[in-house]
Amino acid sequence: MIGIIGAMDEEVISVKRRMHVTGQREIASMEFFIGTIGEKEVVTVQTGSGKVHAAVCTQILINLFDVEYIINTSFAGGLNPDLNIGDIVVASDIIEQGDEVSVNQKLVNMTKSAAEKLKGNHKVFVGRISSDDEFICSMRVEKDIYTPFTAYCADMEGAAIAHTCFLNQVPFVAIRTISDKANPNEEIKFEDFVDEASRNISRVVESLVNAL
């Protein structure tokens, strides 16, 4: 079975539309939707915001659903100046306060290949993700994170999921869609593209699941 963790409701809804849902379980106030994508058994869940939710959700997938892989999708703030809103970043590794967790290279390569098949104006990058406790919205934060750690983008939950997978030796990959940049003058609003971005990510997830 393959676990798919989404941070937002829109992401999980888009993934469910590509599933044949056969069951549902509520555990620790989270809804786990069980079914198939193609011939592969999957379970998807919205973890919500925050590292505690993310770690608990990941451990439940590992302990109760015995997942072989975990795919994590979310939105992130862009730090690398080459990134634009709507671009996709596949994590090469995830760093938090100097602690680095590697991501499964096989899954990275497969995810990058799946993302590059999408039609659209977005670009696909493989790079480091920095997990932080605040949403990135200022150039000062961009410089603090991007320069020392060469992070492509920043999120809040990635490190917790990555650490939990690492401790349990479960292969993991993180896919991030850039929702904003560390630029107070950015005109594109999150709600203007969230549905399209969620559909794009669900297509990447479907392609990746079928390839595993």
N, C-alpha and C. Protein backbone atom coordinates (compact mmCIF):
# COMPACT_ATOMS: atom_id res chain seq x y z
N MET A 1 0.84 -1.19 0.00
CA MET A 1 0.00 0.00 0.00
C MET A 1 0.88 1.25 0.00
N ILE A 2 0.39 2.30 -0.65
CA ILE A 2 1.12 3.55 -0.76
C ILE A 2 0.36 4.63 0.00
N GLY A 3 1.04 5.35 0.88
CA GLY A 3 0.43 6.43 1.64
C GLY A 3 0.63 7.76 0.94
N ILE A 4 -0.44 8.55 0.87
CA ILE A 4 -0.39 9.87 0.24
C ILE A 4 -0.88 10.89 1.25
N ILE A 5 0.01 11.80 1.66
CA ILE A 5 -0.32 12.80 2.66
C ILE A 5 -0.45 14.16 1.98
N GLY A 6 -1.59 14.80 2.15
CA GLY A 6 -1.80 16.15 1.66
C GLY A 6 -1.98 17.10 2.82
N ALA A 7 -1.46 18.31 2.69
CA ALA A 7 -1.57 19.28 3.78
C ALA A 7 -2.92 20.00 3.77
N MET A 8 -3.55 20.08 2.60
CA MET A 8 -4.79 20.84 2.47
C MET A 8 -5.90 19.99 1.90
N ASP A 9 -7.13 20.40 2.18
CA ASP A 9 -8.30 19.67 1.73
C ASP A 9 -8.35 19.57 0.21
N GLU A 10 -7.99 20.66 -0.48
CA GLU A 10 -8.05 20.66 -1.95
C GLU A 10 -7.17 19.58 -2.56
N GLU A 11 -6.00 19.35 -1.95
CA GLU A 11 -5.08 18.33 -2.46
C GLU A 11 -5.67 16.94 -2.32
N VAL A 12 -6.24 16.66 -1.15
CA VAL A 12 -6.81 15.33 -0.90
C VAL A 12 -8.02 15.08 -1.78
N ILE A 13 -8.85 16.10 -1.96
CA ILE A 13 -10.02 15.97 -2.84
C ILE A 13 -9.57 15.61 -4.26
N SER A 14 -8.53 16.28 -4.75
CA SER A 14 -8.05 16.01 -6.10
C SER A 14 -7.50 14.59 -6.23
N VAL A 15 -6.79 14.12 -5.20
CA VAL A 15 -6.28 12.75 -5.22
C VAL A 15 -7.43 11.75 -5.18
N LYS A 16 -8.43 12.01 -4.34
CA LYS A 16 -9.58 11.11 -4.23
C LYS A 16 -10.31 10.96 -5.56
N ARG A 17 -10.33 12.02 -6.35
CA ARG A 17 -11.00 11.96 -7.65
C ARG A 17 -10.29 11.01 -8.61
N ARG A 18 -9.03 10.72 -8.34
CA ARG A 18 -8.27 9.79 -9.17
C ARG A 18 -8.21 8.39 -8.56
N MET A 19 -8.88 8.22 -7.43
CA MET A 19 -8.94 6.94 -6.73
C MET A 19 -10.29 6.25 -6.94
N HIS A 20 -10.27 4.94 -6.76
CA HIS A 20 -11.50 4.20 -6.51
C HIS A 20 -11.53 3.97 -5.00
N VAL A 21 -12.33 4.79 -4.32
CA VAL A 21 -12.36 4.74 -2.85
C VAL A 21 -13.23 3.58 -2.39
N THR A 22 -12.66 2.73 -1.54
CA THR A 22 -13.38 1.56 -1.05
C THR A 22 -13.66 1.59 0.45
N GLY A 23 -13.05 2.52 1.15
CA GLY A 23 -13.25 2.57 2.59
C GLY A 23 -12.77 3.87 3.19
N GLN A 24 -13.11 4.10 4.45
CA GLN A 24 -12.73 5.32 5.15
C GLN A 24 -12.63 5.01 6.64
N ARG A 25 -11.58 5.54 7.27
CA ARG A 25 -11.40 5.35 8.71
C ARG A 25 -11.01 6.67 9.35
N GLU A 26 -11.59 6.95 10.49
CA GLU A 26 -11.20 8.14 11.26
C GLU A 26 -10.29 7.69 12.40
N ILE A 27 -9.08 8.21 12.40
CA ILE A 27 -8.09 7.88 13.43
C ILE A 27 -7.43 9.17 13.87
N ALA A 28 -7.38 9.41 15.18
CA ALA A 28 -6.74 10.60 15.72
C ALA A 28 -7.27 11.88 15.07
N SER A 29 -8.59 11.91 14.87
CA SER A 29 -9.29 13.06 14.28
C SER A 29 -8.89 13.34 12.84
N MET A 30 -8.31 12.36 12.16
CA MET A 30 -7.95 12.47 10.74
C MET A 30 -8.70 11.43 9.94
N GLU A 31 -9.15 11.81 8.73
CA GLU A 31 -9.89 10.91 7.86
C GLU A 31 -8.95 10.25 6.85
N PHE A 32 -8.87 8.93 6.91
CA PHE A 32 -8.04 8.15 6.00
C PHE A 32 -8.94 7.50 4.96
N PHE A 33 -8.70 7.81 3.68
CA PHE A 33 -9.50 7.27 2.59
C PHE A 33 -8.69 6.17 1.90
N ILE A 34 -9.28 4.98 1.86
CA ILE A 34 -8.60 3.78 1.36
C ILE A 34 -9.18 3.40 0.00
N GLY A 35 -8.32 2.96 -0.90
CA GLY A 35 -8.81 2.55 -2.21
C GLY A 35 -7.68 2.17 -3.13
N THR A 36 -7.89 2.41 -4.42
CA THR A 36 -6.88 2.05 -5.42
C THR A 36 -6.71 3.18 -6.43
N ILE A 37 -5.51 3.28 -6.96
CA ILE A 37 -5.23 4.07 -8.15
C ILE A 37 -4.66 3.08 -9.15
N GLY A 38 -5.40 2.87 -10.24
CA GLY A 38 -4.99 1.79 -11.14
C GLY A 38 -5.09 0.46 -10.39
N GLU A 39 -3.99 -0.26 -10.37
CA GLU A 39 -3.96 -1.54 -9.67
C GLU A 39 -3.28 -1.45 -8.31
N LYS A 40 -2.89 -0.25 -7.91
CA LYS A 40 -2.14 -0.08 -6.66
C LYS A 40 -3.06 0.33 -5.50
N GLU A 41 -2.88 -0.32 -4.36
CA GLU A 41 -3.63 0.05 -3.16
C GLU A 41 -3.03 1.32 -2.56
N VAL A 42 -3.89 2.26 -2.22
CA VAL A 42 -3.42 3.54 -1.67
C VAL A 42 -4.30 3.95 -0.50
N VAL A 43 -3.76 4.84 0.32
CA VAL A 43 -4.53 5.48 1.38
C VAL A 43 -4.09 6.94 1.41
N THR A 44 -5.07 7.84 1.41
CA THR A 44 -4.74 9.27 1.42
C THR A 44 -5.38 9.95 2.61
N VAL A 45 -4.73 11.00 3.09
CA VAL A 45 -5.18 11.68 4.31
C VAL A 45 -4.72 13.12 4.29
N GLN A 46 -5.56 13.99 4.85
CA GLN A 46 -5.15 15.38 5.06
C GLN A 46 -4.60 15.49 6.46
N THR A 47 -3.33 15.89 6.56
CA THR A 47 -2.69 15.95 7.87
C THR A 47 -2.99 17.25 8.60
N GLY A 48 -3.30 18.32 7.87
CA GLY A 48 -3.46 19.61 8.53
C GLY A 48 -2.12 20.27 8.77
N SER A 49 -2.17 21.44 9.37
CA SER A 49 -0.95 22.23 9.56
C SER A 49 -0.22 21.84 10.85
N GLY A 50 1.10 21.91 10.80
CA GLY A 50 1.89 21.71 12.01
C GLY A 50 2.65 20.40 12.03
N LYS A 51 3.78 20.43 12.69
CA LYS A 51 4.68 19.27 12.73
C LYS A 51 4.12 18.11 13.53
N VAL A 52 3.38 18.39 14.61
CA VAL A 52 2.84 17.31 15.43
C VAL A 52 1.83 16.50 14.64
N HIS A 53 0.89 17.19 13.99
CA HIS A 53 -0.08 16.49 13.15
C HIS A 53 0.62 15.66 12.08
N ALA A 54 1.64 16.24 11.46
CA ALA A 54 2.34 15.56 10.38
C ALA A 54 3.02 14.29 10.86
N ALA A 55 3.70 14.35 12.00
CA ALA A 55 4.40 13.18 12.53
C ALA A 55 3.43 12.09 12.95
N VAL A 56 2.35 12.48 13.64
CA VAL A 56 1.35 11.50 14.07
C VAL A 56 0.71 10.82 12.87
N CYS A 57 0.35 11.61 11.88
CA CYS A 57 -0.28 11.08 10.66
C CYS A 57 0.63 10.07 9.97
N THR A 58 1.90 10.42 9.86
CA THR A 58 2.87 9.54 9.19
C THR A 58 3.04 8.23 9.94
N GLN A 59 3.11 8.31 11.28
CA GLN A 59 3.28 7.09 12.07
C GLN A 59 2.06 6.19 11.98
N ILE A 60 0.87 6.78 11.90
CA ILE A 60 -0.34 5.98 11.72
C ILE A 60 -0.31 5.23 10.39
N LEU A 61 0.09 5.92 9.34
CA LEU A 61 0.18 5.26 8.03
C LEU A 61 1.14 4.08 8.08
N ILE A 62 2.24 4.26 8.79
CA ILE A 62 3.26 3.20 8.86
C ILE A 62 2.78 2.04 9.74
N ASN A 63 2.22 2.35 10.91
CA ASN A 63 1.85 1.31 11.87
C ASN A 63 0.56 0.59 11.51
N LEU A 64 -0.46 1.34 11.13
CA LEU A 64 -1.78 0.75 10.94
C LEU A 64 -2.08 0.35 9.50
N PHE A 65 -1.43 1.01 8.55
CA PHE A 65 -1.70 0.71 7.14
C PHE A 65 -0.52 0.01 6.46
N ASP A 66 0.58 -0.11 7.17
CA ASP A 66 1.75 -0.86 6.67
C ASP A 66 2.16 -0.40 5.28
N VAL A 67 2.27 0.91 5.10
CA VAL A 67 2.58 1.46 3.77
C VAL A 67 4.04 1.15 3.39
N GLU A 68 4.24 0.94 2.09
CA GLU A 68 5.59 0.69 1.56
C GLU A 68 6.29 1.99 1.19
N TYR A 69 5.51 2.99 0.77
CA TYR A 69 6.04 4.29 0.38
C TYR A 69 5.12 5.37 0.94
N ILE A 70 5.68 6.56 1.13
CA ILE A 70 4.86 7.72 1.49
C ILE A 70 5.17 8.85 0.53
N ILE A 71 4.10 9.41 -0.04
CA ILE A 71 4.19 10.57 -0.92
C ILE A 71 3.54 11.74 -0.19
N ASN A 72 4.27 12.83 -0.06
CA ASN A 72 3.74 14.02 0.63
C ASN A 72 3.62 15.18 -0.35
N THR A 73 2.41 15.73 -0.47
CA THR A 73 2.20 16.89 -1.33
C THR A 73 1.80 18.08 -0.48
N SER A 74 2.21 19.26 -0.92
CA SER A 74 1.85 20.48 -0.20
C SER A 74 2.22 21.68 -1.04
N PHE A 75 1.85 22.85 -0.55
CA PHE A 75 2.29 24.10 -1.14
C PHE A 75 3.45 24.64 -0.32
N ALA A 76 4.26 25.50 -0.93
CA ALA A 76 5.44 26.01 -0.25
C ALA A 76 5.76 27.41 -0.74
N GLY A 77 6.46 28.15 0.09
CA GLY A 77 6.93 29.47 -0.29
C GLY A 77 8.25 29.38 -1.02
N GLY A 78 8.34 30.03 -2.17
CA GLY A 78 9.55 29.96 -2.97
C GLY A 78 10.66 30.82 -2.40
N LEU A 79 11.87 30.28 -2.37
CA LEU A 79 13.05 30.99 -1.89
C LEU A 79 14.07 31.20 -3.00
N ASN A 80 14.27 30.18 -3.83
CA ASN A 80 15.19 30.31 -4.95
C ASN A 80 14.64 31.34 -5.94
N PRO A 81 15.44 32.32 -6.32
CA PRO A 81 14.93 33.37 -7.22
C PRO A 81 14.51 32.87 -8.59
N ASP A 82 14.91 31.65 -8.97
CA ASP A 82 14.51 31.09 -10.27
C ASP A 82 13.08 30.55 -10.26
N LEU A 83 12.50 30.39 -9.06
CA LEU A 83 11.17 29.82 -8.95
C LEU A 83 10.09 30.86 -9.20
N ASN A 84 9.00 30.40 -9.81
CA ASN A 84 7.80 31.22 -9.98
C ASN A 84 6.60 30.49 -9.41
N ILE A 85 5.54 31.22 -9.12
CA ILE A 85 4.33 30.62 -8.60
C ILE A 85 3.79 29.60 -9.60
N GLY A 86 3.46 28.41 -9.07
CA GLY A 86 2.99 27.31 -9.91
C GLY A 86 4.06 26.31 -10.26
N ASP A 87 5.34 26.67 -10.07
CA ASP A 87 6.43 25.72 -10.32
C ASP A 87 6.38 24.59 -9.30
N ILE A 88 6.98 23.46 -9.66
CA ILE A 88 6.99 22.27 -8.80
C ILE A 88 8.42 21.99 -8.34
N VAL A 89 8.56 21.73 -7.04
CA VAL A 89 9.86 21.35 -6.48
C VAL A 89 9.73 19.94 -5.89
N VAL A 90 10.58 19.03 -6.35
CA VAL A 90 10.70 17.70 -5.76
C VAL A 90 11.88 17.75 -4.79
N ALA A 91 11.65 17.38 -3.55
CA ALA A 91 12.70 17.52 -2.53
C ALA A 91 13.85 16.56 -2.77
N SER A 92 15.06 17.11 -2.82
CA SER A 92 16.26 16.27 -2.82
C SER A 92 16.62 15.89 -1.39
N ASP A 93 16.34 16.78 -0.47
CA ASP A 93 16.47 16.54 0.95
C ASP A 93 15.69 17.63 1.68
N ILE A 94 15.48 17.43 2.96
CA ILE A 94 14.73 18.39 3.77
C ILE A 94 15.57 18.74 4.99
N ILE A 95 15.63 20.03 5.29
CA ILE A 95 16.48 20.49 6.38
C ILE A 95 15.67 21.32 7.37
N GLU A 96 15.97 21.14 8.65
CA GLU A 96 15.33 21.93 9.70
C GLU A 96 16.37 22.22 10.78
N GLN A 97 16.64 23.50 10.99
CA GLN A 97 17.61 23.94 11.99
C GLN A 97 18.94 23.19 11.85
N GLY A 98 19.37 23.02 10.61
CA GLY A 98 20.67 22.40 10.35
C GLY A 98 20.66 20.90 10.25
N ASP A 99 19.53 20.25 10.64
CA ASP A 99 19.43 18.79 10.54
C ASP A 99 18.87 18.41 9.18
N GLU A 100 19.60 17.56 8.47
CA GLU A 100 19.23 17.19 7.10
C GLU A 100 18.72 15.76 7.04
N VAL A 101 17.62 15.57 6.32
CA VAL A 101 17.08 14.23 6.08
C VAL A 101 17.04 14.00 4.58
N SER A 102 17.68 12.94 4.12
CA SER A 102 17.69 12.62 2.70
C SER A 102 16.36 12.04 2.27
N VAL A 103 16.05 12.19 0.99
CA VAL A 103 14.83 11.65 0.39
C VAL A 103 15.23 10.51 -0.53
N ASN A 104 14.36 9.50 -0.65
CA ASN A 104 14.66 8.34 -1.48
C ASN A 104 14.93 8.75 -2.92
N GLN A 105 16.13 8.47 -3.42
CA GLN A 105 16.54 8.95 -4.74
C GLN A 105 15.73 8.33 -5.87
N LYS A 106 15.36 7.07 -5.72
CA LYS A 106 14.53 6.42 -6.74
C LYS A 106 13.20 7.17 -6.88
N LEU A 107 12.57 7.51 -5.76
CA LEU A 107 11.31 8.22 -5.79
C LEU A 107 11.48 9.63 -6.34
N VAL A 108 12.61 10.26 -6.01
CA VAL A 108 12.88 11.61 -6.54
C VAL A 108 12.91 11.58 -8.06
N ASN A 109 13.66 10.65 -8.62
CA ASN A 109 13.79 10.55 -10.07
C ASN A 109 12.45 10.23 -10.74
N MET A 110 11.70 9.33 -10.15
CA MET A 110 10.40 8.95 -10.70
C MET A 110 9.41 10.11 -10.63
N THR A 111 9.45 10.85 -9.52
CA THR A 111 8.54 11.98 -9.34
C THR A 111 8.88 13.11 -10.31
N LYS A 112 10.15 13.38 -10.47
CA LYS A 112 10.57 14.41 -11.42
C LYS A 112 10.10 14.06 -12.83
N SER A 113 10.26 12.80 -13.21
CA SER A 113 9.83 12.36 -14.53
C SER A 113 8.32 12.53 -14.70
N ALA A 114 7.55 12.18 -13.65
CA ALA A 114 6.10 12.32 -13.72
C ALA A 114 5.69 13.78 -13.82
N ALA A 115 6.36 14.66 -13.07
CA ALA A 115 6.02 16.09 -13.08
C ALA A 115 6.34 16.73 -14.42
N GLU A 116 7.40 16.27 -15.05
CA GLU A 116 7.81 16.85 -16.33
C GLU A 116 6.86 16.50 -17.47
N LYS A 117 6.00 15.51 -17.25
CA LYS A 117 5.03 15.12 -18.27
C LYS A 117 3.80 16.03 -18.27
N LEU A 118 3.63 16.80 -17.21
CA LEU A 118 2.48 17.70 -17.12
C LEU A 118 2.58 18.80 -18.17
N LYS A 119 1.45 19.14 -18.76
CA LYS A 119 1.41 20.26 -19.68
C LYS A 119 1.18 21.55 -18.90
N GLY A 120 1.81 22.62 -19.32
CA GLY A 120 1.63 23.89 -18.65
C GLY A 120 2.88 24.73 -18.70
N ASN A 121 2.80 25.90 -18.11
CA ASN A 121 3.93 26.83 -18.13
C ASN A 121 4.86 26.66 -16.93
N HIS A 122 4.53 25.75 -16.03
CA HIS A 122 5.35 25.55 -14.84
C HIS A 122 6.68 24.89 -15.20
N LYS A 123 7.64 25.05 -14.30
CA LYS A 123 8.92 24.34 -14.40
C LYS A 123 9.04 23.37 -13.24
N VAL A 124 9.90 22.37 -13.43
CA VAL A 124 10.12 21.35 -12.39
C VAL A 124 11.56 21.43 -11.91
N PHE A 125 11.74 21.48 -10.60
CA PHE A 125 13.07 21.56 -10.00
C PHE A 125 13.23 20.43 -8.98
N VAL A 126 14.46 20.00 -8.79
CA VAL A 126 14.82 19.11 -7.68
C VAL A 126 15.74 19.90 -6.77
N GLY A 127 15.37 20.04 -5.50
CA GLY A 127 16.20 20.83 -4.61
C GLY A 127 15.80 20.68 -3.16
N ARG A 128 16.57 21.30 -2.32
CA ARG A 128 16.37 21.22 -0.87
C ARG A 128 15.14 22.00 -0.43
N ILE A 129 14.43 21.44 0.55
CA ILE A 129 13.30 22.13 1.19
C ILE A 129 13.69 22.42 2.63
N SER A 130 13.39 23.62 3.07
CA SER A 130 13.61 23.99 4.47
C SER A 130 12.27 24.02 5.19
N SER A 131 12.19 23.34 6.33
CA SER A 131 10.97 23.37 7.14
C SER A 131 11.14 24.39 8.26
N ASP A 132 10.14 25.23 8.40
CA ASP A 132 10.21 26.30 9.39
C ASP A 132 8.87 26.40 10.10
N ASP A 133 8.79 27.25 11.12
CA ASP A 133 7.57 27.38 11.90
C ASP A 133 6.72 28.58 11.51
N GLU A 134 7.06 29.22 10.39
CA GLU A 134 6.27 30.35 9.94
C GLU A 134 6.20 30.32 8.42
N PHE A 135 5.11 30.92 7.88
CA PHE A 135 4.96 30.99 6.44
C PHE A 135 5.90 32.06 5.90
N ILE A 136 6.58 31.77 4.82
CA ILE A 136 7.59 32.66 4.28
C ILE A 136 6.94 33.83 3.55
N CYS A 137 7.23 35.06 3.99
CA CYS A 137 6.56 36.20 3.36
C CYS A 137 7.43 37.44 3.31
N SER A 138 8.72 37.34 3.61
CA SER A 138 9.54 38.54 3.58
C SER A 138 10.89 38.24 2.96
N MET A 139 11.50 39.25 2.36
CA MET A 139 12.80 39.08 1.74
C MET A 139 13.87 38.78 2.79
N ARG A 140 13.69 39.29 4.01
CA ARG A 140 14.66 39.02 5.06
C ARG A 140 14.70 37.53 5.38
N VAL A 141 13.53 36.90 5.50
CA VAL A 141 13.48 35.47 5.76
C VAL A 141 14.05 34.70 4.58
N GLU A 142 13.77 35.16 3.36
CA GLU A 142 14.30 34.51 2.17
C GLU A 142 15.81 34.43 2.25
N LYS A 143 16.46 35.52 2.60
CA LYS A 143 17.92 35.54 2.67
C LYS A 143 18.42 34.67 3.81
N ASP A 144 17.72 34.69 4.95
CA ASP A 144 18.14 33.88 6.10
C ASP A 144 18.13 32.40 5.77
N ILE A 145 17.14 31.93 5.02
CA ILE A 145 17.02 30.50 4.74
C ILE A 145 17.73 30.13 3.45
N TYR A 146 17.54 30.93 2.40
CA TYR A 146 18.07 30.53 1.10
C TYR A 146 19.59 30.55 1.06
N THR A 147 20.21 31.58 1.59
CA THR A 147 21.65 31.72 1.46
C THR A 147 22.42 30.65 2.24
N PRO A 148 22.15 30.44 3.54
CA PRO A 148 22.94 29.46 4.28
C PRO A 148 22.70 28.03 3.84
N PHE A 149 21.46 27.68 3.52
CA PHE A 149 21.11 26.28 3.31
C PHE A 149 20.79 25.95 1.86
N THR A 150 20.88 26.94 0.97
CA THR A 150 20.54 26.77 -0.46
C THR A 150 19.21 26.06 -0.65
N ALA A 151 18.22 26.42 0.16
CA ALA A 151 16.89 25.83 0.04
C ALA A 151 16.15 26.44 -1.14
N TYR A 152 15.44 25.59 -1.87
CA TYR A 152 14.62 26.07 -2.97
C TYR A 152 13.32 26.68 -2.48
N CYS A 153 12.75 26.08 -1.43
CA CYS A 153 11.47 26.57 -0.92
C CYS A 153 11.34 26.18 0.55
N ALA A 154 10.28 26.70 1.17
CA ALA A 154 10.09 26.48 2.61
C ALA A 154 8.67 26.04 2.90
N ASP A 155 8.54 25.07 3.81
CA ASP A 155 7.23 24.63 4.26
C ASP A 155 7.25 24.51 5.78
N MET A 156 6.19 23.91 6.35
CA MET A 156 6.14 23.75 7.81
C MET A 156 6.14 22.30 8.26
N GLU A 157 5.67 21.38 7.40
CA GLU A 157 5.48 19.99 7.84
C GLU A 157 6.49 18.99 7.30
N GLY A 158 7.23 19.36 6.26
CA GLY A 158 8.05 18.38 5.56
C GLY A 158 9.06 17.65 6.42
N ALA A 159 9.73 18.38 7.30
CA ALA A 159 10.77 17.76 8.12
C ALA A 159 10.20 16.70 9.05
N ALA A 160 9.02 16.97 9.62
CA ALA A 160 8.41 16.01 10.54
C ALA A 160 8.07 14.70 9.83
N ILE A 161 7.52 14.81 8.62
CA ILE A 161 7.19 13.61 7.85
C ILE A 161 8.47 12.88 7.44
N ALA A 162 9.45 13.64 6.97
CA ALA A 162 10.71 13.03 6.54
C ALA A 162 11.42 12.32 7.68
N HIS A 163 11.48 12.95 8.86
CA HIS A 163 12.15 12.33 10.01
C HIS A 163 11.43 11.04 10.43
N THR A 164 10.09 11.09 10.43
CA THR A 164 9.33 9.91 10.83
C THR A 164 9.57 8.76 9.85
N CYS A 165 9.58 9.07 8.57
CA CYS A 165 9.86 8.03 7.57
C CYS A 165 11.28 7.49 7.72
N PHE A 166 12.23 8.38 7.96
CA PHE A 166 13.63 7.97 8.14
C PHE A 166 13.77 7.01 9.32
N LEU A 167 13.15 7.35 10.44
CA LEU A 167 13.26 6.51 11.64
C LEU A 167 12.63 5.13 11.42
N ASN A 168 11.61 5.08 10.57
CA ASN A 168 10.92 3.82 10.30
C ASN A 168 11.42 3.13 9.04
N GLN A 169 12.41 3.73 8.36
CA GLN A 169 13.00 3.18 7.14
C GLN A 169 11.94 2.95 6.05
N VAL A 170 11.08 3.94 5.89
CA VAL A 170 10.06 3.90 4.84
C VAL A 170 10.44 4.91 3.76
N PRO A 171 10.57 4.51 2.50
CA PRO A 171 10.91 5.44 1.43
C PRO A 171 9.87 6.56 1.32
N PHE A 172 10.36 7.78 1.10
CA PHE A 172 9.52 8.97 1.17
C PHE A 172 9.93 9.96 0.09
N VAL A 173 8.93 10.68 -0.44
CA VAL A 173 9.23 11.77 -1.35
C VAL A 173 8.28 12.92 -1.07
N ALA A 174 8.76 14.15 -1.24
CA ALA A 174 7.96 15.35 -1.02
C ALA A 174 7.84 16.13 -2.33
N ILE A 175 6.62 16.54 -2.65
CA ILE A 175 6.35 17.34 -3.85
C ILE A 175 5.75 18.66 -3.39
N ARG A 176 6.34 19.76 -3.82
CA ARG A 176 5.85 21.07 -3.41
C ARG A 176 5.50 21.92 -4.62
N THR A 177 4.33 22.56 -4.57
CA THR A 177 3.96 23.55 -5.57
C THR A 177 4.17 24.93 -4.96
N ILE A 178 4.84 25.81 -5.68
CA ILE A 178 5.14 27.14 -5.16
C ILE A 178 3.86 27.98 -5.17
N SER A 179 3.45 28.39 -3.97
CA SER A 179 2.21 29.15 -3.82
C SER A 179 2.46 30.64 -3.68
N ASP A 180 3.65 31.01 -3.26
CA ASP A 180 3.99 32.42 -3.17
C ASP A 180 5.51 32.54 -3.07
N LYS A 181 5.99 33.74 -3.23
CA LYS A 181 7.42 34.00 -3.12
C LYS A 181 7.65 34.97 -1.98
N ALA A 182 8.87 34.99 -1.47
CA ALA A 182 9.20 35.88 -0.35
C ALA A 182 9.30 37.31 -0.88
N ASN A 183 8.16 37.81 -1.33
CA ASN A 183 8.13 39.12 -2.00
C ASN A 183 6.82 39.81 -1.63
N PRO A 184 6.86 40.86 -0.85
CA PRO A 184 5.64 41.54 -0.43
C PRO A 184 4.88 42.19 -1.58
N ASN A 185 5.52 42.32 -2.75
CA ASN A 185 4.87 42.95 -3.89
C ASN A 185 4.25 41.95 -4.85
N GLU A 186 4.31 40.65 -4.50
CA GLU A 186 3.76 39.61 -5.38
C GLU A 186 2.24 39.79 -5.51
N GLU A 187 1.75 39.80 -6.74
CA GLU A 187 0.34 40.11 -6.98
C GLU A 187 -0.55 38.88 -7.04
N ILE A 188 0.01 37.72 -7.38
CA ILE A 188 -0.82 36.52 -7.52
C ILE A 188 -1.22 36.02 -6.14
N LYS A 189 -2.50 35.78 -5.93
CA LYS A 189 -3.02 35.33 -4.65
C LYS A 189 -3.16 33.81 -4.62
N PHE A 190 -2.99 33.26 -3.44
CA PHE A 190 -3.03 31.81 -3.25
C PHE A 190 -4.33 31.21 -3.78
N GLU A 191 -5.45 31.82 -3.43
CA GLU A 191 -6.74 31.26 -3.81
C GLU A 191 -6.99 31.30 -5.32
N ASP A 192 -6.20 32.09 -6.04
CA ASP A 192 -6.38 32.20 -7.48
C ASP A 192 -5.88 30.98 -8.24
N PHE A 193 -5.03 30.18 -7.62
CA PHE A 193 -4.46 29.06 -8.38
C PHE A 193 -4.53 27.73 -7.64
N VAL A 194 -5.08 27.70 -6.42
CA VAL A 194 -5.00 26.51 -5.59
C VAL A 194 -5.68 25.30 -6.23
N ASP A 195 -6.84 25.51 -6.87
CA ASP A 195 -7.54 24.37 -7.47
C ASP A 195 -6.75 23.76 -8.63
N GLU A 196 -6.24 24.62 -9.51
CA GLU A 196 -5.46 24.12 -10.64
C GLU A 196 -4.18 23.43 -10.17
N ALA A 197 -3.52 24.03 -9.18
CA ALA A 197 -2.29 23.43 -8.65
C ALA A 197 -2.57 22.07 -8.02
N SER A 198 -3.68 21.96 -7.31
CA SER A 198 -4.04 20.68 -6.69
C SER A 198 -4.30 19.61 -7.75
N ARG A 199 -4.97 20.00 -8.83
CA ARG A 199 -5.22 19.04 -9.92
C ARG A 199 -3.90 18.59 -10.55
N ASN A 200 -2.98 19.52 -10.74
CA ASN A 200 -1.68 19.17 -11.32
C ASN A 200 -0.93 18.18 -10.44
N ILE A 201 -0.91 18.46 -9.14
CA ILE A 201 -0.19 17.57 -8.22
C ILE A 201 -0.85 16.19 -8.19
N SER A 202 -2.18 16.14 -8.25
CA SER A 202 -2.86 14.84 -8.23
C SER A 202 -2.49 14.03 -9.48
N ARG A 203 -2.29 14.70 -10.60
CA ARG A 203 -1.85 14.01 -11.81
C ARG A 203 -0.44 13.44 -11.63
N VAL A 204 0.43 14.20 -10.98
CA VAL A 204 1.78 13.71 -10.71
C VAL A 204 1.72 12.50 -9.79
N VAL A 205 0.89 12.58 -8.75
CA VAL A 205 0.76 11.47 -7.81
C VAL A 205 0.23 10.23 -8.52
N GLU A 206 -0.78 10.39 -9.36
CA GLU A 206 -1.33 9.25 -10.09
C GLU A 206 -0.28 8.59 -10.97
N SER A 207 0.48 9.40 -11.69
CA SER A 207 1.54 8.86 -12.55
C SER A 207 2.61 8.15 -11.74
N LEU A 208 2.99 8.74 -10.60
CA LEU A 208 4.01 8.12 -9.75
C LEU A 208 3.53 6.81 -9.17
N VAL A 209 2.30 6.79 -8.66
CA VAL A 209 1.74 5.56 -8.07
C VAL A 209 1.71 4.45 -9.10
N ASN A 210 1.27 4.76 -10.30
CA ASN A 210 1.20 3.73 -11.35
C ASN A 210 2.57 3.21 -11.75
N ALA A 211 3.61 4.03 -11.56
CA ALA A 211 4.97 3.62 -11.93
C ALA A 211 5.65 2.80 -10.83
N LEU A 212 5.16 2.86 -9.63
CA LEU A 212 5.81 2.15 -8.51
C LEU A 212 5.52 0.64 -8.57
